[in-house]
C-alpha atoms as a PDB file:
ATOM      1  CA  MET A   1      18.131 -21.810  24.144  1.00  0.00           C
ATOM      2  CA  ILE A   2      17.568 -22.662  20.490  1.00  0.00           C
ATOM      3  CA  PHE A   3      15.935 -20.191  18.143  1.00  0.00           C
ATOM      4  CA  ARG A   4      12.685 -22.170  17.914  1.00  0.00           C
ATOM      5  CA  GLU A   5      12.166 -21.828  21.677  1.00  0.00           C
ATOM      6  CA  LEU A   6      12.883 -18.103  21.539  1.00  0.00           C
ATOM      7  CA  ALA A   7      10.567 -17.649  18.546  1.00  0.00           C
ATOM      8  CA  GLU A   8       7.695 -19.529  20.210  1.00  0.00           C
ATOM      9  CA  ASP A   9       7.986 -17.348  23.320  1.00  0.00           C
ATOM     10  CA  TYR A  10       8.008 -14.177  21.223  1.00  0.00           C
ATOM     11  CA  LYS A  11       5.070 -15.439  19.157  1.00  0.00           C
ATOM     12  CA  GLU A  12       2.905 -16.031  22.253  1.00  0.00           C
ATOM     13  CA  ARG A  13       3.659 -12.590  23.671  1.00  0.00           C
ATOM     14  CA  LYS A  14       3.864 -10.364  20.594  1.00  0.00           C
ATOM     15  CA  LEU A  15       2.502 -11.977  17.417  1.00  0.00           C
ATOM     16  CA  ILE A  16      -1.135 -11.912  18.489  1.00  0.00           C
ATOM     17  CA  PRO A  17      -4.196 -10.021  17.217  1.00  0.00           C
ATOM     18  CA  ALA A  18      -4.244  -6.363  18.209  1.00  0.00           C
ATOM     19  CA  LYS A  19      -5.826  -5.577  21.579  1.00  0.00           C
ATOM     20  CA  TYR A  20      -7.367  -2.203  22.357  1.00  0.00           C
ATOM     21  CA  HIS A  21      -8.130  -0.212  25.481  1.00  0.00           C
ATOM     22  CA  GLN A  22     -10.084   3.034  25.217  1.00  0.00           C
ATOM     23  CA  ASN A  23      -9.631   3.038  21.449  1.00  0.00           C
ATOM     24  CA  ARG A  24      -5.844   2.700  21.763  1.00  0.00           C
ATOM     25  CA  LYS A  25      -3.817  -0.353  20.727  1.00  0.00           C
ATOM     26  CA  VAL A  26      -2.072  -1.698  23.830  1.00  0.00           C
ATOM     27  CA  ALA A  27      -0.793  -5.068  22.576  1.00  0.00           C
ATOM     28  CA  GLY A  28      -0.448  -7.295  19.528  1.00  0.00           C
ATOM     29  CA  LEU A  29      -0.300  -6.431  15.845  1.00  0.00           C
ATOM     30  CA  ARG A  30      -2.924  -5.585  13.258  1.00  0.00           C
ATOM     31  CA  SER A  31      -0.949  -7.461  10.612  1.00  0.00           C
ATOM     32  CA  TYR A  32       0.152 -10.341  12.838  1.00  0.00           C
ATOM     33  CA  ARG A  33      -0.610 -12.948  10.163  1.00  0.00           C
ATOM     34  CA  THR A  34       2.020 -11.413   7.882  1.00  0.00           C
ATOM     35  CA  ALA A  35       4.532 -11.524  10.734  1.00  0.00           C
ATOM     36  CA  LEU A  36       3.672 -15.183  11.327  1.00  0.00           C
ATOM     37  CA  ASN A  37       4.527 -15.954   7.705  1.00  0.00           C
ATOM     38  CA  PHE A  38       7.883 -14.219   8.118  1.00  0.00           C
ATOM     39  CA  LEU A  39       8.486 -16.182  11.311  1.00  0.00           C
ATOM     40  CA  GLY A  40       7.867 -19.449   9.465  1.00  0.00           C
ATOM     41  CA  GLN A  41      10.700 -18.671   7.056  1.00  0.00           C
ATOM     42  CA  LEU A  42      13.031 -17.771   9.918  1.00  0.00           C
ATOM     43  CA  LEU A  43      12.227 -21.011  11.742  1.00  0.00           C
ATOM     44  CA  THR A  44      13.020 -23.049   8.630  1.00  0.00           C
ATOM     45  CA  HIS A  45      16.536 -21.629   8.563  1.00  0.00           C
ATOM     46  CA  PHE A  46      17.410 -20.879  12.211  1.00  0.00           C
ATOM     47  CA  GLY A  47      14.993 -23.192  14.083  1.00  0.00           C
ATOM     48  CA  THR A  48      17.512 -25.644  15.582  1.00  0.00           C
ATOM     49  CA  LYS A  49      20.414 -23.230  15.923  1.00  0.00           C
ATOM     50  CA  ARG A  50      21.422 -21.962  19.373  1.00  0.00           C
ATOM     51  CA  VAL A  51      20.507 -18.302  19.750  1.00  0.00           C
ATOM     52  CA  LYS A  52      23.932 -17.301  21.085  1.00  0.00           C
ATOM     53  CA  GLU A  53      25.619 -18.935  18.076  1.00  0.00           C
ATOM     54  CA  ILE A  54      23.769 -16.910  15.429  1.00  0.00           C
ATOM     55  CA  THR A  55      26.330 -14.658  13.747  1.00  0.00           C
ATOM     56  CA  ARG A  56      26.251 -11.895  11.176  1.00  0.00           C
ATOM     57  CA  ALA A  57      27.619 -14.368   8.626  1.00  0.00           C
ATOM     58  CA  ASP A  58      24.637 -16.677   9.289  1.00  0.00           C
ATOM     59  CA  ILE A  59      22.233 -13.804   8.706  1.00  0.00           C
ATOM     60  CA  GLU A  60      24.030 -12.781   5.504  1.00  0.00           C
ATOM     61  CA  LYS A  61      23.747 -16.358   4.200  1.00  0.00           C
ATOM     62  CA  TYR A  62      20.030 -16.372   5.028  1.00  0.00           C
ATOM     63  CA  LYS A  63      19.530 -13.048   3.250  1.00  0.00           C
ATOM     64  CA  GLN A  64      21.266 -14.260   0.097  1.00  0.00           C
ATOM     65  CA  LYS A  65      19.380 -17.558   0.164  1.00  0.00           C
ATOM     66  CA  ARG A  66      16.041 -15.759   0.324  1.00  0.00           C
ATOM     67  CA  LEU A  67      16.988 -13.307  -2.419  1.00  0.00           C
ATOM     68  CA  ASP A  68      17.995 -16.203  -4.674  1.00  0.00           C
ATOM     69  CA  ALA A  69      14.661 -17.998  -4.136  1.00  0.00           C
ATOM     70  CA  PRO A  70      12.119 -16.768  -6.753  1.00  0.00           C
ATOM     71  CA  VAL A  71       8.490 -16.091  -5.903  1.00  0.00           C
ATOM     72  CA  LYS A  72       6.030 -18.473  -7.567  1.00  0.00           C
ATOM     73  CA  ILE A  73       2.666 -17.025  -8.576  1.00  0.00           C
ATOM     74  CA  ALA A  74      -0.400 -18.833  -9.912  1.00  0.00           C
ATOM     75  CA  ARG A  75      -2.305 -16.926 -12.580  1.00  0.00           C
ATOM     76  CA  LYS A  76      -4.443 -17.430 -15.673  1.00  0.00           C
ATOM     77  CA  ASN A  77      -2.945 -17.000 -19.116  1.00  0.00           C
ATOM     78  CA  ASP A  78      -4.648 -15.495 -22.164  1.00  0.00           C
ATOM     79  CA  LYS A  79      -6.431 -18.804 -22.791  1.00  0.00           C
ATOM     80  CA  GLY A  80      -7.864 -18.837 -19.266  1.00  0.00           C
ATOM     81  CA  GLU A  81      -5.604 -21.706 -18.212  1.00  0.00           C
ATOM     82  CA  LYS A  82      -3.904 -21.732 -14.833  1.00  0.00           C
ATOM     83  CA  GLU A  83      -0.121 -21.470 -14.921  1.00  0.00           C
ATOM     84  CA  ILE A  84       2.728 -20.951 -12.460  1.00  0.00           C
ATOM     85  CA  VAL A  85       5.110 -18.091 -13.155  1.00  0.00           C
ATOM     86  CA  GLU A  86       8.210 -17.018 -11.281  1.00  0.00           C
ATOM     87  CA  ARG A  87       9.463 -13.533 -10.483  1.00  0.00           C
ATOM     88  CA  PRO A  88      12.485 -12.309  -8.497  1.00  0.00           C
ATOM     89  CA  ARG A  89      11.913 -11.888  -4.779  1.00  0.00           C
ATOM     90  CA  ALA A  90      11.756  -8.247  -3.700  1.00  0.00           C
ATOM     91  CA  ILE A  91      14.475  -6.889  -1.430  1.00  0.00           C
ATOM     92  CA  ALA A  92      11.756  -5.238   0.636  1.00  0.00           C
ATOM     93  CA  SER A  93      10.193  -8.629   1.390  1.00  0.00           C
ATOM     94  CA  VAL A  94      13.487 -10.059   2.660  1.00  0.00           C
ATOM     95  CA  ASN A  95      14.096  -6.885   4.661  1.00  0.00           C
ATOM     96  CA  ARG A  96      10.812  -7.415   6.519  1.00  0.00           C
ATOM     97  CA  GLU A  97      11.897 -10.932   7.483  1.00  0.00           C
ATOM     98  CA  LEU A  98      15.277  -9.641   8.696  1.00  0.00           C
ATOM     99  CA  ALA A  99      13.592  -6.820  10.606  1.00  0.00           C
ATOM    100  CA  LEU A 100      11.497  -9.390  12.474  1.00  0.00           C
ATOM    101  CA  LEU A 101      14.609 -11.449  13.252  1.00  0.00           C
ATOM    102  CA  ARG A 102      16.312  -8.320  14.578  1.00  0.00           C
ATOM    103  CA  THR A 103      13.322  -7.527  16.779  1.00  0.00           C
ATOM    104  CA  ILE A 104      13.230 -11.053  18.205  1.00  0.00           C
ATOM    105  CA  LEU A 105      16.953 -11.024  19.000  1.00  0.00           C
ATOM    106  CA  ASN A 106      16.707  -7.544  20.561  1.00  0.00           C
ATOM    107  CA  ASP A 107      13.851  -8.841  22.708  1.00  0.00           C
ATOM    108  CA  ALA A 108      16.105 -11.708  23.820  1.00  0.00           C
ATOM    109  CA  VAL A 109      18.761  -9.178  24.865  1.00  0.00           C
ATOM    110  CA  GLU A 110      16.205  -7.152  26.830  1.00  0.00           C
ATOM    111  CA  ASN A 111      15.085 -10.301  28.669  1.00  0.00           C
ATOM    112  CA  GLY A 112      18.657 -11.325  29.478  1.00  0.00           C
ATOM    113  CA  TRP A 113      18.637 -14.428  27.292  1.00  0.00           C
ATOM    114  CA  LEU A 114      21.287 -13.054  24.910  1.00  0.00           C
ATOM    115  CA  ASN A 115      24.265 -10.856  25.685  1.00  0.00           C
ATOM    116  CA  ARG A 116      24.583  -9.132  22.328  1.00  0.00           C
ATOM    117  CA  SER A 117      22.568  -9.080  19.127  1.00  0.00           C
ATOM    118  CA  PRO A 118      24.456  -9.925  15.887  1.00  0.00           C
ATOM    119  CA  PHE A 119      22.629  -6.952  14.329  1.00  0.00           C
ATOM    120  CA  LEU A 120      24.485  -4.546  16.595  1.00  0.00           C
ATOM    121  CA  ASN A 121      26.757  -2.327  14.478  1.00  0.00           C
ATOM    122  CA  ALA A 122      25.963  -4.557  11.481  1.00  0.00           C
ATOM    123  CA  LYS A 123      25.291  -1.946   8.824  1.00  0.00           C
ATOM    124  CA  GLY A 124      23.802  -3.082   5.546  1.00  0.00           C
ATOM    125  CA  LEU A 125      22.010  -6.204   6.763  1.00  0.00           C
ATOM    126  CA  VAL A 126      18.657  -4.427   6.512  1.00  0.00           C
ATOM    127  CA  SER A 127      19.199  -1.821   3.811  1.00  0.00           C
ATOM    128  CA  LEU A 128      16.088   0.246   3.147  1.00  0.00           C
ATOM    129  CA  ALA A 129      17.980   2.251   0.531  1.00  0.00           C
ATOM    130  CA  ASP A 130      18.184  -0.860  -1.684  1.00  0.00           C
ATOM    131  CA  GLU A 131      14.418  -1.285  -1.774  1.00  0.00           C
ATOM    132  CA  VAL A 132      12.603  -0.371  -4.963  1.00  0.00           C
ATOM    133  CA  LYS A 133       9.955   2.158  -3.973  1.00  0.00           C
ATOM    134  CA  ARG A 134       6.680   1.943  -5.866  1.00  0.00           C
ATOM    135  CA  GLU A 135       5.962   5.082  -7.856  1.00  0.00           C
ATOM    136  CA  ARG A 136       3.036   3.880  -9.969  1.00  0.00           C
ATOM    137  CA  ILE A 137       0.159   6.322 -10.262  1.00  0.00           C
ATOM    138  CA  LEU A 138      -3.032   6.014 -12.274  1.00  0.00           C
ATOM    139  CA  THR A 139      -3.670   8.377 -15.162  1.00  0.00           C
ATOM    140  CA  PHE A 140      -7.194   9.735 -15.652  1.00  0.00           C
ATOM    141  CA  GLU A 141      -7.491   7.757 -18.889  1.00  0.00           C
ATOM    142  CA  GLU A 142      -6.517   4.548 -17.067  1.00  0.00           C
ATOM    143  CA  GLU A 143      -8.956   5.385 -14.280  1.00  0.00           C
ATOM    144  CA  SER A 144     -11.771   5.649 -16.803  1.00  0.00           C
ATOM    145  CA  ARG A 145     -10.942   2.202 -18.202  1.00  0.00           C
ATOM    146  CA  LEU A 146     -10.632   0.689 -14.721  1.00  0.00           C
ATOM    147  CA  LEU A 147     -14.015   2.009 -13.579  1.00  0.00           C
ATOM    148  CA  GLU A 148     -15.539   0.812 -16.840  1.00  0.00           C
ATOM    149  CA  ALA A 149     -14.288  -2.697 -16.007  1.00  0.00           C
ATOM    150  CA  CYS A 150     -16.122  -2.423 -12.665  1.00  0.00           C
ATOM    151  CA  ASN A 151     -19.543  -1.501 -14.049  1.00  0.00           C
ATOM    152  CA  GLU A 152     -22.538  -3.752 -13.480  1.00  0.00           C
ATOM    153  CA  TYR A 153     -22.305  -4.852 -17.117  1.00  0.00           C
ATOM    154  CA  ILE A 154     -19.097  -4.963 -19.129  1.00  0.00           C
ATOM    155  CA  THR A 155     -18.509  -5.075 -22.880  1.00  0.00           C
ATOM    156  CA  LEU A 156     -16.867  -8.186 -24.289  1.00  0.00           C
ATOM    157  CA  ASN A 157     -15.147  -8.212 -27.679  1.00  0.00           C
ATOM    158  CA  TYR A 158     -14.153 -11.577 -29.124  1.00  0.00           C
ATOM    159  CA  GLU A 159     -14.031 -13.596 -32.324  1.00  0.00           C
ATOM    160  CA  ARG A 160     -16.103 -16.646 -33.231  1.00  0.00           C
ATOM    161  CA  ASN A 161     -15.805 -18.475 -36.546  1.00  0.00           C
ATOM    162  CA  GLY A 162     -13.790 -15.573 -37.919  1.00  0.00           C
ATOM    163  CA  LYS A 163     -16.435 -12.974 -36.969  1.00  0.00           C
ATOM    164  CA  LYS A 164     -15.885 -10.180 -34.471  1.00  0.00           C
ATOM    165  CA  ILE A 165     -18.587 -10.189 -31.798  1.00  0.00           C
ATOM    166  CA  THR A 166     -19.434  -7.533 -29.200  1.00  0.00           C
ATOM    167  CA  ALA A 167     -21.637  -8.523 -26.277  1.00  0.00           C
ATOM    168  CA  LYS A 168     -22.696  -7.358 -22.831  1.00  0.00           C
ATOM    169  CA  ALA A 169     -22.016  -9.563 -19.813  1.00  0.00           C
ATOM    170  CA  LYS A 170     -22.928  -9.372 -16.145  1.00  0.00           C
ATOM    171  CA  SER A 171     -19.966  -8.205 -14.071  1.00  0.00           C
ATOM    172  CA  ASN A 172     -18.961  -9.562 -10.676  1.00  0.00           C
ATOM    173  CA  ARG A 173     -16.901  -6.479  -9.893  1.00  0.00           C
ATOM    174  CA  GLU A 174     -19.505  -3.761  -9.363  1.00  0.00           C
ATOM    175  CA  HIS A 175     -18.581  -3.831  -5.647  1.00  0.00           C
ATOM    176  CA  LEU A 176     -15.148  -2.489  -6.588  1.00  0.00           C
ATOM    177  CA  ARG A 177     -16.351   0.739  -8.211  1.00  0.00           C
ATOM    178  CA  PRO A 178     -17.303   2.696  -5.033  1.00  0.00           C
ATOM    179  CA  LEU A 179     -14.256   1.285  -3.251  1.00  0.00           C
ATOM    180  CA  ILE A 180     -11.846   2.461  -5.974  1.00  0.00           C
ATOM    181  CA  ILE A 181     -13.469   5.898  -6.259  1.00  0.00           C
ATOM    182  CA  THR A 182     -13.253   6.418  -2.496  1.00  0.00           C
ATOM    183  CA  ALA A 183      -9.629   5.261  -2.443  1.00  0.00           C
ATOM    184  CA  LEU A 184      -8.671   7.617  -5.281  1.00  0.00           C
ATOM    185  CA  ASP A 185     -10.381  10.639  -3.695  1.00  0.00           C
ATOM    186  CA  THR A 186      -9.543  10.136   0.008  1.00  0.00           C
ATOM    187  CA  ALA A 187      -6.102   8.421   0.050  1.00  0.00           C
ATOM    188  CA  MET A 188      -7.482   5.959   2.621  1.00  0.00           C
ATOM    189  CA  ARG A 189      -5.608   2.686   3.054  1.00  0.00           C
ATOM    190  CA  CYS A 190      -7.236  -0.553   1.946  1.00  0.00           C
ATOM    191  CA  GLY A 191      -7.590  -1.743   5.552  1.00  0.00           C
ATOM    192  CA  GLU A 192      -9.240   1.528   6.548  1.00  0.00           C
ATOM    193  CA  LEU A 193     -11.713   1.233   3.693  1.00  0.00           C
ATOM    194  CA  LEU A 194     -12.652  -2.398   4.308  1.00  0.00           C
ATOM    195  CA  THR A 195     -13.223  -1.837   8.058  1.00  0.00           C
ATOM    196  CA  LEU A 196     -15.203   1.383   7.587  1.00  0.00           C
ATOM    197  CA  VAL A 197     -18.690   1.189   9.130  1.00  0.00           C
ATOM    198  CA  TRP A 198     -21.658   3.506   8.588  1.00  0.00           C
ATOM    199  CA  ARG A 199     -21.304   4.932  12.089  1.00  0.00           C
ATOM    200  CA  ASP A 200     -18.122   6.679  10.875  1.00  0.00           C
ATOM    201  CA  VAL A 201     -19.757   8.148   7.744  1.00  0.00           C
ATOM    202  CA  ASP A 202     -21.445  11.554   8.082  1.00  0.00           C
ATOM    203  CA  LEU A 203     -23.402  12.019   4.864  1.00  0.00           C
ATOM    204  CA  GLU A 204     -25.018  15.223   6.125  1.00  0.00           C
ATOM    205  CA  ASN A 205     -21.693  17.000   6.590  1.00  0.00           C
ATOM    206  CA  ARG A 206     -19.989  14.938   3.869  1.00  0.00           C
ATOM    207  CA  GLU A 207     -17.240  13.665   6.156  1.00  0.00           C
ATOM    208  CA  ILE A 208     -15.605  10.322   6.925  1.00  0.00           C
ATOM    209  CA  LYS A 209     -14.360  10.065  10.500  1.00  0.00           C
ATOM    210  CA  LEU A 210     -11.757   7.362  11.025  1.00  0.00           C
ATOM    211  CA  PRO A 211     -11.389   6.222  14.654  1.00  0.00           C
ATOM    212  CA  ALA A 212      -7.865   5.735  16.003  1.00  0.00           C
ATOM    213  CA  PHE A 213      -8.088   1.934  16.246  1.00  0.00           C
ATOM    214  CA  ASN A 214      -8.836   1.653  12.523  1.00  0.00           C
ATOM    215  CA  THR A 215      -5.808   3.632  11.337  1.00  0.00           C
ATOM    216  CA  LYS A 216      -2.234   2.450  10.852  1.00  0.00           C
ATOM    217  CA  THR A 217      -0.799   5.258  12.982  1.00  0.00           C
ATOM    218  CA  ALA A 218      -3.438   4.820  15.736  1.00  0.00           C
ATOM    219  CA  LYS A 219      -4.525   8.450  15.300  1.00  0.00           C
ATOM    220  CA  ALA A 220      -8.061   9.505  14.427  1.00  0.00           C
ATOM    221  CA  ARG A 221      -8.610  11.727  11.409  1.00  0.00           C
ATOM    222  CA  THR A 222     -11.444  13.272   9.414  1.00  0.00           C
ATOM    223  CA  ILE A 223     -11.643  13.218   5.611  1.00  0.00           C
ATOM    224  CA  GLY A 224     -13.977  15.207   3.401  1.00  0.00           C
ATOM    225  CA  MET A 225     -15.969  13.644   0.567  1.00  0.00           C
ATOM    226  CA  THR A 226     -15.685  14.714  -3.052  1.00  0.00           C
ATOM    227  CA  HIS A 227     -18.942  14.916  -4.987  1.00  0.00           C
ATOM    228  CA  ARG A 228     -18.516  11.503  -6.546  1.00  0.00           C
ATOM    229  CA  VAL A 229     -17.565   9.862  -3.239  1.00  0.00           C
ATOM    230  CA  TYR A 230     -20.696  11.368  -1.687  1.00  0.00           C
ATOM    231  CA  ASP A 231     -22.819  10.059  -4.565  1.00  0.00           C
ATOM    232  CA  GLU A 232     -21.363   6.546  -4.280  1.00  0.00           C
ATOM    233  CA  LEU A 233     -21.716   6.355  -0.494  1.00  0.00           C
ATOM    234  CA  SER A 234     -25.248   7.756  -0.616  1.00  0.00           C
ATOM    235  CA  ARG A 235     -26.192   5.064  -3.120  1.00  0.00           C
ATOM    236  CA  LEU A 236     -24.640   2.355  -0.939  1.00  0.00           C
ATOM    237  CA  TRP A 237     -26.467   3.664   2.131  1.00  0.00           C
ATOM    238  CA  GLU A 238     -29.830   3.479   0.348  1.00  0.00           C
ATOM    239  CA  MET A 239     -29.071  -0.135  -0.630  1.00  0.00           C
ATOM    240  CA  SER A 240     -27.835  -1.093   2.871  1.00  0.00           C
ATOM    241  CA  PRO A 241     -29.861  -2.470   5.840  1.00  0.00           C
ATOM    242  CA  LYS A 242     -29.461   1.029   7.433  1.00  0.00           C
ATOM    243  CA  SER A 243     -27.438  -0.388  10.334  1.00  0.00           C
ATOM    244  CA  LEU A 244     -24.680   1.874  11.679  1.00  0.00           C
ATOM    245  CA  ASP A 245     -22.545  -1.146  12.556  1.00  0.00           C
ATOM    246  CA  GLU A 246     -22.603  -2.598   9.040  1.00  0.00           C
ATOM    247  CA  LEU A 247     -19.556  -2.384   6.787  1.00  0.00           C
ATOM    248  CA  VAL A 248     -19.892   0.434   4.264  1.00  0.00           C
ATOM    249  CA  PHE A 249     -18.531  -1.548   1.325  1.00  0.00           C
ATOM    250  CA  GLY A 250     -19.787  -4.922   2.557  1.00  0.00           C
ATOM    251  CA  ILE A 251     -16.487  -6.639   1.733  1.00  0.00           C
ATOM    252  CA  LYS A 252     -15.301  -9.096   4.372  1.00  0.00           C
ATOM    253  CA  ASP A 253     -12.450 -10.603   2.380  1.00  0.00           C
ATOM    254  CA  THR A 254      -9.574  -9.317   0.275  1.00  0.00           C
ATOM    255  CA  VAL A 255     -10.167  -7.660  -3.099  1.00  0.00           C
ATOM    256  CA  LYS A 256      -6.757  -8.634  -4.447  1.00  0.00           C
ATOM    257  CA  ARG A 257      -7.970 -11.116  -7.080  1.00  0.00           C
ATOM    258  CA  SER A 258     -10.974  -9.151  -8.303  1.00  0.00           C
ATOM    259  CA  PHE A 259      -8.918  -5.946  -8.495  1.00  0.00           C
ATOM    260  CA  ALA A 260      -6.151  -7.704 -10.441  1.00  0.00           C
ATOM    261  CA  SER A 261      -8.791  -9.128 -12.790  1.00  0.00           C
ATOM    262  CA  ALA A 262     -10.293  -5.663 -13.343  1.00  0.00           C
ATOM    263  CA  CYS A 263      -6.858  -4.206 -14.114  1.00  0.00           C
ATOM    264  CA  ARG A 264      -6.160  -7.021 -16.543  1.00  0.00           C
ATOM    265  CA  ASP A 265      -9.432  -6.449 -18.433  1.00  0.00           C
ATOM    266  CA  ALA A 266      -8.773  -2.687 -18.438  1.00  0.00           C
ATOM    267  CA  LYS A 267      -5.278  -3.387 -19.844  1.00  0.00           C
ATOM    268  CA  ILE A 268      -3.609  -1.625 -16.920  1.00  0.00           C
ATOM    269  CA  GLU A 269      -0.232  -3.077 -15.978  1.00  0.00           C
ATOM    270  CA  GLY A 270       1.803  -2.816 -12.792  1.00  0.00           C
ATOM    271  CA  PHE A 271      -0.947  -1.201 -10.722  1.00  0.00           C
ATOM    272  CA  HIS A 272      -1.790  -2.437  -7.214  1.00  0.00           C
ATOM    273  CA  PHE A 273      -4.680  -1.323  -5.021  1.00  0.00           C
ATOM    274  CA  HIS A 274      -2.342   0.515  -2.636  1.00  0.00           C
ATOM    275  CA  ASP A 275      -1.230   2.602  -5.624  1.00  0.00           C
ATOM    276  CA  CYS A 276      -4.640   4.306  -5.404  1.00  0.00           C
ATOM    277  CA  ARG A 277      -3.248   5.971  -2.285  1.00  0.00           C
ATOM    278  CA  HIS A 278      -0.138   7.069  -4.209  1.00  0.00           C
ATOM    279  CA  THR A 279      -2.385   8.450  -6.930  1.00  0.00           C
ATOM    280  CA  ALA A 280      -4.681  10.313  -4.523  1.00  0.00           C
ATOM    281  CA  ILE A 281      -1.824  12.049  -2.692  1.00  0.00           C
ATOM    282  CA  THR A 282      -0.067  12.955  -5.946  1.00  0.00           C
ATOM    283  CA  ARG A 283      -3.285  14.477  -7.290  1.00  0.00           C
ATOM    284  CA  MET A 284      -3.768  16.490  -4.091  1.00  0.00           C
ATOM    285  CA  VAL A 285      -0.247  17.884  -4.440  1.00  0.00           C
ATOM    286  CA  ASN A 286      -0.798  18.681  -8.137  1.00  0.00           C
ATOM    287  CA  ALA A 287      -4.041  20.459  -7.205  1.00  0.00           C
ATOM    288  CA  GLY A 288      -1.981  22.862  -5.106  1.00  0.00           C
ATOM    289  CA  LEU A 289      -3.031  21.745  -1.620  1.00  0.00           C
ATOM    290  CA  PRO A 290      -0.470  22.477   1.140  1.00  0.00           C
ATOM    291  CA  PRO A 291       1.583  19.341   1.996  1.00  0.00           C
ATOM    292  CA  MET A 292       0.935  19.672   5.743  1.00  0.00           C
ATOM    293  CA  GLU A 293      -2.830  19.650   5.161  1.00  0.00           C
ATOM    294  CA  ILE A 294      -2.541  16.627   2.873  1.00  0.00           C
ATOM    295  CA  MET A 295      -0.585  14.790   5.580  1.00  0.00           C
ATOM    296  CA  LYS A 296      -3.455  15.404   8.014  1.00  0.00           C
ATOM    297  CA  ILE A 297      -5.875  13.858   5.523  1.00  0.00           C
ATOM    298  CA  SER A 298      -3.655  10.931   4.506  1.00  0.00           C
ATOM    299  CA  GLY A 299      -2.648  10.136   8.094  1.00  0.00           C
ATOM    300  CA  HIS A 300       1.114  10.540   7.658  1.00  0.00           C
ATOM    301  CA  THR A 301       3.109  11.598  10.697  1.00  0.00           C
ATOM    302  CA  GLN A 302       6.571  11.841   9.106  1.00  0.00           C
ATOM    303  CA  TRP A 303       7.568  13.915   6.109  1.00  0.00           C
ATOM    304  CA  THR A 304      10.025  11.304   4.799  1.00  0.00           C
ATOM    305  CA  THR A 305       7.251   8.714   4.607  1.00  0.00           C
ATOM    306  CA  PHE A 306       4.813  11.152   3.018  1.00  0.00           C
ATOM    307  CA  ALA A 307       7.368  12.204   0.390  1.00  0.00           C
ATOM    308  CA  ARG A 308       7.513   8.618  -0.947  1.00  0.00           C
ATOM    309  CA  TYR A 309       3.895   8.927  -2.074  1.00  0.00           C
ATOM    310  CA  VAL A 310       4.385  12.171  -3.980  1.00  0.00           C
ATOM    311  CA  ASN A 311       5.130  11.033  -7.514  1.00  0.00           C
ATOM    312  CA  PRO A 312       5.301  13.516 -10.396  1.00  0.00           C
ATOM    313  CA  ASN A 313       3.405  12.441 -13.490  1.00  0.00           C
ATOM    314  CA  ALA A 314       4.158  13.447 -17.078  1.00  0.00           C
ATOM    315  CA  GLN A 315       2.063  16.612 -16.790  1.00  0.00           C
ATOM    316  CA  THR A 316       3.886  17.698 -13.625  1.00  0.00           C
ATOM    317  CA  VAL A 317       7.291  17.005 -15.148  1.00  0.00           C
ATOM    318  CA  ARG A 318       6.467  19.168 -18.171  1.00  0.00           C
ATOM    319  CA  LYS A 319       5.057  21.894 -15.925  1.00  0.00           C
ATOM    320  CA  ILE A 320       8.296  22.029 -13.909  1.00  0.00           C
ATOM    321  CA  ALA A 321      10.361  22.205 -17.104  1.00  0.00           C
ATOM    322  CA  ASP A 322       8.156  25.027 -18.482  1.00  0.00           C
ATOM    323  CA  VAL A 323       8.428  27.027 -15.248  1.00  0.00           C
ATOM    324  CA  LEU A 324      12.215  26.598 -15.275  1.00  0.00           C
ATOM    325  CA  SER A 325      12.380  27.661 -18.936  1.00  0.00           C
ATOM    326  CA  ASP A 326      10.379  30.808 -18.147  1.00  0.00           C
ATOM    327  CA  TYR A 327      12.707  31.519 -15.242  1.00  0.00           C
ATOM    328  CA  HIS A 328      15.778  31.189 -17.470  1.00  0.00           C
ATOM    329  CA  ALA A 329      14.258  33.446 -20.147  1.00  0.00           C
ATOM    330  CA  LYS A 330      13.329  36.089 -17.583  1.00  0.00           C
ATOM    331  CA  ALA A 331      16.777  35.959 -15.961  1.00  0.00           C
ATOM    332  CA  ASN A 332      18.572  36.334 -19.312  1.00  0.00           C
ATOM    333  CA  PHE A 333      16.271  39.214 -20.305  1.00  0.00           C
ATOM    334  CA  GLU A 334      16.942  41.092 -17.061  1.00  0.00           C
ATOM    335  CA  GLU A 335      20.689  40.493 -17.376  1.00  0.00           C
ATOM    336  CA  PHE A 336      20.706  41.828 -20.927  1.00  0.00           C
ATOM    337  CA  ASN A 337      18.686  44.949 -20.050  1.00  0.00           C
ATOM    338  CA  GLN A 338      20.648  45.788 -16.927  1.00  0.00           C
ATOM    339  CA  ASP A 339      23.970  44.996 -18.585  1.00  0.00           C
ATOM    340  CA  ASP A 340      24.962  43.416 -15.326  1.00  0.00           C
ATOM    341  CA  LYS A 341      25.940  39.892 -14.293  1.00  0.00           C
ATOM    342  CA  PHE A 342      23.015  37.893 -12.957  1.00  0.00           C
ATOM    343  CA  VAL A 343      23.726  36.308  -9.625  1.00  0.00           C
ATOM    344  CA  ASN A 344      21.566  33.461  -8.402  1.00  0.00           C
END
């Protein structure tokens, strides 16, 4: 069997849209399109190779080849012209491709088509420790600028014939404002927000009830609304057709481009939409909420995963240093008064 044959079999059985039974996912993947993209890269490299002849050395060569291939991105420059820029490929991206390859080969072993996977006892091929974890959180000042860029009308400052001109222009990003506010105050994932329907919004009790089949962990959870989330959702409800099956935010496509454009106009760098979730959880921790309660709201099931989202900002760092300074001063004072050695 060559790898292409194995991959096609796995694709037909596993890389399909998610299927549900009694609100539980029983087959397929929610993000199967992403997996299909990874599979395309694997087929390019291993497609004609016999499955039993794939070695660790082959996988190491593939890993290095992918890491050496830069990512090409199309974007607009300051003059509004389209240009292609390159950036290094992330280790995390290559790890996801290797993880899929490992899963396919393990599936071949389970079906008796392969005696032993080359990933067996092969430490370091998929190294999560080498991945650069995102720790970007939004400051309140940046949040203010970002929401300003998502108003119905935005302020434009430019020069014409040597004169500075300020003008108001109609914005095409007003749909982002309630989405961003809800993300920052609930820690909901982008997919959970975009699939949220009015049936799951309880404005009377100010709660959002996420069904299991709409969450990443396939577990239902309930999230309370802050005052501003309630105000935004109430406004959207009054503007909606009043159908419980309608999408709350009315967005049926990705917001990646419009969000990136809003960040660019707000002069906010290195911030992705998923970082709203990082920001929300960090703010909950800084507000003094118990971590276990935050995990129930954010939908985390493992502490190690949750801990990745807790990122101290400048204020928190200074607070920790001040508390430690007070502790040192108190300890030295007690040692001096008691004329005894302080033992930690």
